[in-house]
Amino acid sequence: MRATISGDSNDFPGRIDLEVPEEVLSYLQRISDRTGQSISEIAAALVIEGAERLDPEHSDL
């Protein structure tokens, strides 16, 4: 997987371009079909969830 971050980190929303294996894209598509969310929305939620878990300031780590 490769990620490219675009834009100024002080701006929101930021942009991260990800290259993922076809299997991951298929998984995201199945979630999208089931939930009605876009693949971009699902990927953003996963990144946010992962970042929150890795944030040392979170007490629930």
PDB file of N, CA and C in Angstrom:
ATOM      1  N   MET A   1       0.853  -1.163   0.000  1.00  0.00           N
ATOM      2  CA  MET A   1       0.000   0.000   0.000  1.00  0.00           C
ATOM      3  C   MET A   1       0.896   1.223   0.000  1.00  0.00           C
ATOM      4  N   ARG A   2       0.479   2.237  -0.716  1.00  0.00           N
ATOM      5  CA  ARG A   2       1.229   3.488  -0.777  1.00  0.00           C
ATOM      6  C   ARG A   2       0.250   4.627  -0.541  1.00  0.00           C
ATOM      7  N   ALA A   3       0.662   5.616   0.216  1.00  0.00           N
ATOM      8  CA  ALA A   3      -0.180   6.775   0.497  1.00  0.00           C
ATOM      9  C   ALA A   3       0.542   8.040   0.077  1.00  0.00           C
ATOM     10  N   THR A   4      -0.212   8.969  -0.479  1.00  0.00           N
ATOM     11  CA  THR A   4       0.293  10.282  -0.834  1.00  0.00           C
ATOM     12  C   THR A   4      -0.598  11.314  -0.156  1.00  0.00           C
ATOM     13  N   ILE A   5       0.001  12.193   0.616  1.00  0.00           N
ATOM     14  CA  ILE A   5      -0.755  13.232   1.302  1.00  0.00           C
ATOM     15  C   ILE A   5      -0.615  14.518   0.501  1.00  0.00           C
ATOM     16  N   SER A   6      -1.753  15.136   0.192  1.00  0.00           N
ATOM     17  CA  SER A   6      -1.759  16.354  -0.605  1.00  0.00           C
ATOM     18  C   SER A   6      -2.257  17.521   0.228  1.00  0.00           C
ATOM     19  N   GLY A   7      -1.750  18.689  -0.058  1.00  0.00           N
ATOM     20  CA  GLY A   7      -2.226  19.894   0.581  1.00  0.00           C
ATOM     21  C   GLY A   7      -1.463  20.232   1.850  1.00  0.00           C
ATOM     22  N   ASP A   8      -1.802  21.357   2.414  1.00  0.00           N
ATOM     23  CA  ASP A   8      -1.194  21.858   3.639  1.00  0.00           C
ATOM     24  C   ASP A   8      -1.799  21.122   4.827  1.00  0.00           C
ATOM     25  N   SER A   9      -0.969  20.630   5.726  1.00  0.00           N
ATOM     26  CA  SER A   9      -1.475  19.874   6.873  1.00  0.00           C
ATOM     27  C   SER A   9      -2.322  20.730   7.806  1.00  0.00           C
ATOM     28  N   ASN A  10      -2.262  22.047   7.667  1.00  0.00           N
ATOM     29  CA  ASN A  10      -3.090  22.931   8.486  1.00  0.00           C
ATOM     30  C   ASN A  10      -4.485  23.121   7.895  1.00  0.00           C
ATOM     31  N   ASP A  11      -4.664  22.726   6.644  1.00  0.00           N
ATOM     32  CA  ASP A  11      -5.962  22.847   5.986  1.00  0.00           C
ATOM     33  C   ASP A  11      -6.790  21.601   6.256  1.00  0.00           C
ATOM     34  N   PHE A  12      -8.101  21.778   6.329  1.00  0.00           N
ATOM     35  CA  PHE A  12      -8.999  20.646   6.444  1.00  0.00           C
ATOM     36  C   PHE A  12     -10.142  20.874   5.501  1.00  0.00           C
ATOM     37  N   PRO A  13     -10.611  19.939   4.763  1.00  0.00           N
ATOM     38  CA  PRO A  13     -10.133  18.560   4.807  1.00  0.00           C
ATOM     39  C   PRO A  13      -8.845  18.393   4.018  1.00  0.00           C
ATOM     40  N   GLY A  14      -8.022  17.519   4.479  1.00  0.00           N
ATOM     41  CA  GLY A  14      -6.806  17.152   3.754  1.00  0.00           C
ATOM     42  C   GLY A  14      -7.134  16.054   2.760  1.00  0.00           C
ATOM     43  N   ARG A  15      -6.139  15.645   2.030  1.00  0.00           N
ATOM     44  CA  ARG A  15      -6.358  14.601   1.039  1.00  0.00           C
ATOM     45  C   ARG A  15      -5.228  13.588   1.158  1.00  0.00           C
ATOM     46  N   ILE A  16      -5.595  12.324   1.177  1.00  0.00           N
ATOM     47  CA  ILE A  16      -4.639  11.232   1.165  1.00  0.00           C
ATOM     48  C   ILE A  16      -5.039  10.305   0.030  1.00  0.00           C
ATOM     49  N   ASP A  17      -4.148  10.121  -0.921  1.00  0.00           N
ATOM     50  CA  ASP A  17      -4.393   9.181  -2.010  1.00  0.00           C
ATOM     51  C   ASP A  17      -3.757   7.853  -1.641  1.00  0.00           C
ATOM     52  N   LEU A  18      -4.528   6.783  -1.685  1.00  0.00           N
ATOM     53  CA  LEU A  18      -4.037   5.466  -1.314  1.00  0.00           C
ATOM     54  C   LEU A  18      -4.091   4.518  -2.502  1.00  0.00           C
ATOM     55  N   GLU A  19      -3.067   3.714  -2.616  1.00  0.00           N
ATOM     56  CA  GLU A  19      -3.089   2.600  -3.552  1.00  0.00           C
ATOM     57  C   GLU A  19      -3.180   1.342  -2.708  1.00  0.00           C
ATOM     58  N   VAL A  20      -4.226   0.554  -2.924  1.00  0.00           N
ATOM     59  CA  VAL A  20      -4.441  -0.653  -2.133  1.00  0.00           C
ATOM     60  C   VAL A  20      -4.588  -1.842  -3.080  1.00  0.00           C
ATOM     61  N   PRO A  21      -4.323  -3.045  -2.579  1.00  0.00           N
ATOM     62  CA  PRO A  21      -4.507  -4.235  -3.397  1.00  0.00           C
ATOM     63  C   PRO A  21      -5.975  -4.376  -3.832  1.00  0.00           C
ATOM     64  N   GLU A  22      -6.188  -5.041  -4.930  1.00  0.00           N
ATOM     65  CA  GLU A  22      -7.537  -5.251  -5.474  1.00  0.00           C
ATOM     66  C   GLU A  22      -8.447  -5.909  -4.437  1.00  0.00           C
ATOM     67  N   GLU A  23      -7.896  -6.809  -3.638  1.00  0.00           N
ATOM     68  CA  GLU A  23      -8.683  -7.492  -2.606  1.00  0.00           C
ATOM     69  C   GLU A  23      -9.255  -6.494  -1.602  1.00  0.00           C
ATOM     70  N   VAL A  24      -8.462  -5.508  -1.215  1.00  0.00           N
ATOM     71  CA  VAL A  24      -8.928  -4.481  -0.267  1.00  0.00           C
ATOM     72  C   VAL A  24      -9.998  -3.633  -0.918  1.00  0.00           C
ATOM     73  N   LEU A  25      -9.805  -3.267  -2.170  1.00  0.00           N
ATOM     74  CA  LEU A  25     -10.812  -2.483  -2.883  1.00  0.00           C
ATOM     75  C   LEU A  25     -12.122  -3.257  -2.980  1.00  0.00           C
ATOM     76  N   SER A  26     -12.056  -4.558  -3.222  1.00  0.00           N
ATOM     77  CA  SER A  26     -13.260  -5.394  -3.279  1.00  0.00           C
ATOM     78  C   SER A  26     -13.969  -5.408  -1.928  1.00  0.00           C
ATOM     79  N   TYR A  27     -13.190  -5.514  -0.863  1.00  0.00           N
ATOM     80  CA  TYR A  27     -13.754  -5.483   0.483  1.00  0.00           C
ATOM     81  C   TYR A  27     -14.468  -4.156   0.735  1.00  0.00           C
ATOM     82  N   LEU A  28     -13.817  -3.059   0.390  1.00  0.00           N
ATOM     83  CA  LEU A  28     -14.432  -1.739   0.564  1.00  0.00           C
ATOM     84  C   LEU A  28     -15.691  -1.602  -0.281  1.00  0.00           C
ATOM     85  N   GLN A  29     -15.685  -2.174  -1.485  1.00  0.00           N
ATOM     86  CA  GLN A  29     -16.864  -2.120  -2.353  1.00  0.00           C
ATOM     87  C   GLN A  29     -18.029  -2.894  -1.739  1.00  0.00           C
ATOM     88  N   ARG A  30     -17.757  -4.048  -1.139  1.00  0.00           N
ATOM     89  CA  ARG A  30     -18.823  -4.821  -0.484  1.00  0.00           C
ATOM     90  C   ARG A  30     -19.423  -4.036   0.681  1.00  0.00           C
ATOM     91  N   ILE A  31     -18.566  -3.372   1.454  1.00  0.00           N
ATOM     92  CA  ILE A  31     -19.067  -2.535   2.556  1.00  0.00           C
ATOM     93  C   ILE A  31     -19.914  -1.401   1.990  1.00  0.00           C
ATOM     94  N   SER A  32     -19.447  -0.789   0.908  1.00  0.00           N
ATOM     95  CA  SER A  32     -20.177   0.298   0.277  1.00  0.00           C
ATOM     96  C   SER A  32     -21.550  -0.157  -0.210  1.00  0.00           C
ATOM     97  N   ASP A  33     -21.581  -1.324  -0.839  1.00  0.00           N
ATOM     98  CA  ASP A  33     -22.855  -1.863  -1.332  1.00  0.00           C
ATOM     99  C   ASP A  33     -23.829  -2.115  -0.188  1.00  0.00           C
ATOM    100  N   ARG A  34     -23.308  -2.582   0.937  1.00  0.00           N
ATOM    101  CA  ARG A  34     -24.140  -2.918   2.082  1.00  0.00           C
ATOM    102  C   ARG A  34     -24.621  -1.677   2.826  1.00  0.00           C
ATOM    103  N   THR A  35     -23.757  -0.662   2.942  1.00  0.00           N
ATOM    104  CA  THR A  35     -24.077   0.505   3.783  1.00  0.00           C
ATOM    105  C   THR A  35     -24.599   1.708   3.011  1.00  0.00           C
ATOM    106  N   GLY A  36     -24.303   1.761   1.723  1.00  0.00           N
ATOM    107  CA  GLY A  36     -24.683   2.934   0.943  1.00  0.00           C
ATOM    108  C   GLY A  36     -23.678   4.073   1.041  1.00  0.00           C
ATOM    109  N   GLN A  37     -22.620   3.898   1.829  1.00  0.00           N
ATOM    110  CA  GLN A  37     -21.567   4.917   1.917  1.00  0.00           C
ATOM    111  C   GLN A  37     -20.622   4.750   0.731  1.00  0.00           C
ATOM    112  N   SER A  38     -19.983   5.848   0.356  1.00  0.00           N
ATOM    113  CA  SER A  38     -18.988   5.766  -0.714  1.00  0.00           C
ATOM    114  C   SER A  38     -17.722   5.103  -0.182  1.00  0.00           C
ATOM    115  N   ILE A  39     -16.931   4.566  -1.091  1.00  0.00           N
ATOM    116  CA  ILE A  39     -15.657   3.969  -0.705  1.00  0.00           C
ATOM    117  C   ILE A  39     -14.778   5.022  -0.034  1.00  0.00           C
ATOM    118  N   SER A  40     -14.813   6.251  -0.525  1.00  0.00           N
ATOM    119  CA  SER A  40     -14.029   7.331   0.090  1.00  0.00           C
ATOM    120  C   SER A  40     -14.453   7.587   1.525  1.00  0.00           C
ATOM    121  N   GLU A  41     -15.761   7.580   1.785  1.00  0.00           N
ATOM    122  CA  GLU A  41     -16.254   7.794   3.146  1.00  0.00           C
ATOM    123  C   GLU A  41     -15.810   6.666   4.073  1.00  0.00           C
ATOM    124  N   ILE A  42     -15.879   5.433   3.578  1.00  0.00           N
ATOM    125  CA  ILE A  42     -15.481   4.279   4.380  1.00  0.00           C
ATOM    126  C   ILE A  42     -13.985   4.342   4.682  1.00  0.00           C
ATOM    127  N   ALA A  43     -13.178   4.623   3.663  1.00  0.00           N
ATOM    128  CA  ALA A  43     -11.732   4.705   3.851  1.00  0.00           C
ATOM    129  C   ALA A  43     -11.381   5.819   4.834  1.00  0.00           C
ATOM    130  N   ALA A  44     -12.038   6.958   4.724  1.00  0.00           N
ATOM    131  CA  ALA A  44     -11.782   8.066   5.652  1.00  0.00           C
ATOM    132  C   ALA A  44     -12.125   7.661   7.082  1.00  0.00           C
ATOM    133  N   ALA A  45     -13.247   6.976   7.274  1.00  0.00           N
ATOM    134  CA  ALA A  45     -13.635   6.536   8.608  1.00  0.00           C
ATOM    135  C   ALA A  45     -12.612   5.560   9.179  1.00  0.00           C
ATOM    136  N   LEU A  46     -12.098   4.661   8.345  1.00  0.00           N
ATOM    137  CA  LEU A  46     -11.093   3.702   8.806  1.00  0.00           C
ATOM    138  C   LEU A  46      -9.797   4.401   9.201  1.00  0.00           C
ATOM    139  N   VAL A  47      -9.389   5.395   8.421  1.00  0.00           N
ATOM    140  CA  VAL A  47      -8.168   6.143   8.745  1.00  0.00           C
ATOM    141  C   VAL A  47      -8.356   6.904  10.052  1.00  0.00           C
ATOM    142  N   ILE A  48      -9.501   7.546  10.217  1.00  0.00           N
ATOM    143  CA  ILE A  48      -9.770   8.292  11.445  1.00  0.00           C
ATOM    144  C   ILE A  48      -9.777   7.353  12.646  1.00  0.00           C
ATOM    145  N   GLU A  49     -10.458   6.219  12.519  1.00  0.00           N
ATOM    146  CA  GLU A  49     -10.517   5.253  13.615  1.00  0.00           C
ATOM    147  C   GLU A  49      -9.117   4.755  13.992  1.00  0.00           C
ATOM    148  N   GLY A  50      -8.312   4.447  12.990  1.00  0.00           N
ATOM    149  CA  GLY A  50      -6.949   3.983  13.257  1.00  0.00           C
ATOM    150  C   GLY A  50      -6.094   5.050  13.903  1.00  0.00           C
ATOM    151  N   ALA A  51      -6.222   6.284  13.435  1.00  0.00           N
ATOM    152  CA  ALA A  51      -5.437   7.378  14.005  1.00  0.00           C
ATOM    153  C   ALA A  51      -5.831   7.633  15.453  1.00  0.00           C
ATOM    154  N   GLU A  52      -7.128   7.555  15.740  1.00  0.00           N
ATOM    155  CA  GLU A  52      -7.582   7.764  17.114  1.00  0.00           C
ATOM    156  C   GLU A  52      -7.043   6.684  18.043  1.00  0.00           C
ATOM    157  N   ARG A  53      -6.986   5.444  17.559  1.00  0.00           N
ATOM    158  CA  ARG A  53      -6.457   4.351  18.386  1.00  0.00           C
ATOM    159  C   ARG A  53      -4.962   4.510  18.625  1.00  0.00           C
ATOM    160  N   LEU A  54      -4.250   5.068  17.672  1.00  0.00           N
ATOM    161  CA  LEU A  54      -2.807   5.215  17.789  1.00  0.00           C
ATOM    162  C   LEU A  54      -2.381   6.513  18.475  1.00  0.00           C
ATOM    163  N   ASP A  55      -3.337   7.415  18.683  1.00  0.00           N
ATOM    164  CA  ASP A  55      -3.038   8.695  19.315  1.00  0.00           C
ATOM    165  C   ASP A  55      -2.692   8.466  20.787  1.00  0.00           C
ATOM    166  N   PRO A  56      -1.463   8.789  21.204  1.00  0.00           N
ATOM    167  CA  PRO A  56      -1.059   8.539  22.587  1.00  0.00           C
ATOM    168  C   PRO A  56      -1.867   9.338  23.615  1.00  0.00           C
ATOM    169  N   GLU A  57      -2.597  10.337  23.189  1.00  0.00           N
ATOM    170  CA  GLU A  57      -3.389  11.139  24.113  1.00  0.00           C
ATOM    171  C   GLU A  57      -4.740  10.487  24.424  1.00  0.00           C
ATOM    172  N   HIS A  58      -5.102   9.452  23.660  1.00  0.00           N
ATOM    173  CA  HIS A  58      -6.352   8.756  23.926  1.00  0.00           C
ATOM    174  C   HIS A  58      -6.171   7.844  25.132  1.00  0.00           C
ATOM    175  N   SER A  59      -7.072   7.924  26.073  1.00  0.00           N
ATOM    176  CA  SER A  59      -6.944   7.125  27.294  1.00  0.00           C
ATOM    177  C   SER A  59      -7.359   5.670  27.091  1.00  0.00           C
ATOM    178  N   ASP A  60      -8.044   5.382  25.998  1.00  0.00           N
ATOM    179  CA  ASP A  60      -8.535   4.018  25.801  1.00  0.00           C
ATOM    180  C   ASP A  60      -7.572   3.153  24.990  1.00  0.00           C
ATOM    181  N   LEU A  61      -6.315   3.530  24.899  1.00  0.00           N
ATOM    182  CA  LEU A  61      -5.342   2.724  24.167  1.00  0.00           C
ATOM    183  C   LEU A  61      -4.940   1.505  24.937  1.00  0.00           C
TER     184      LEU A  61
END
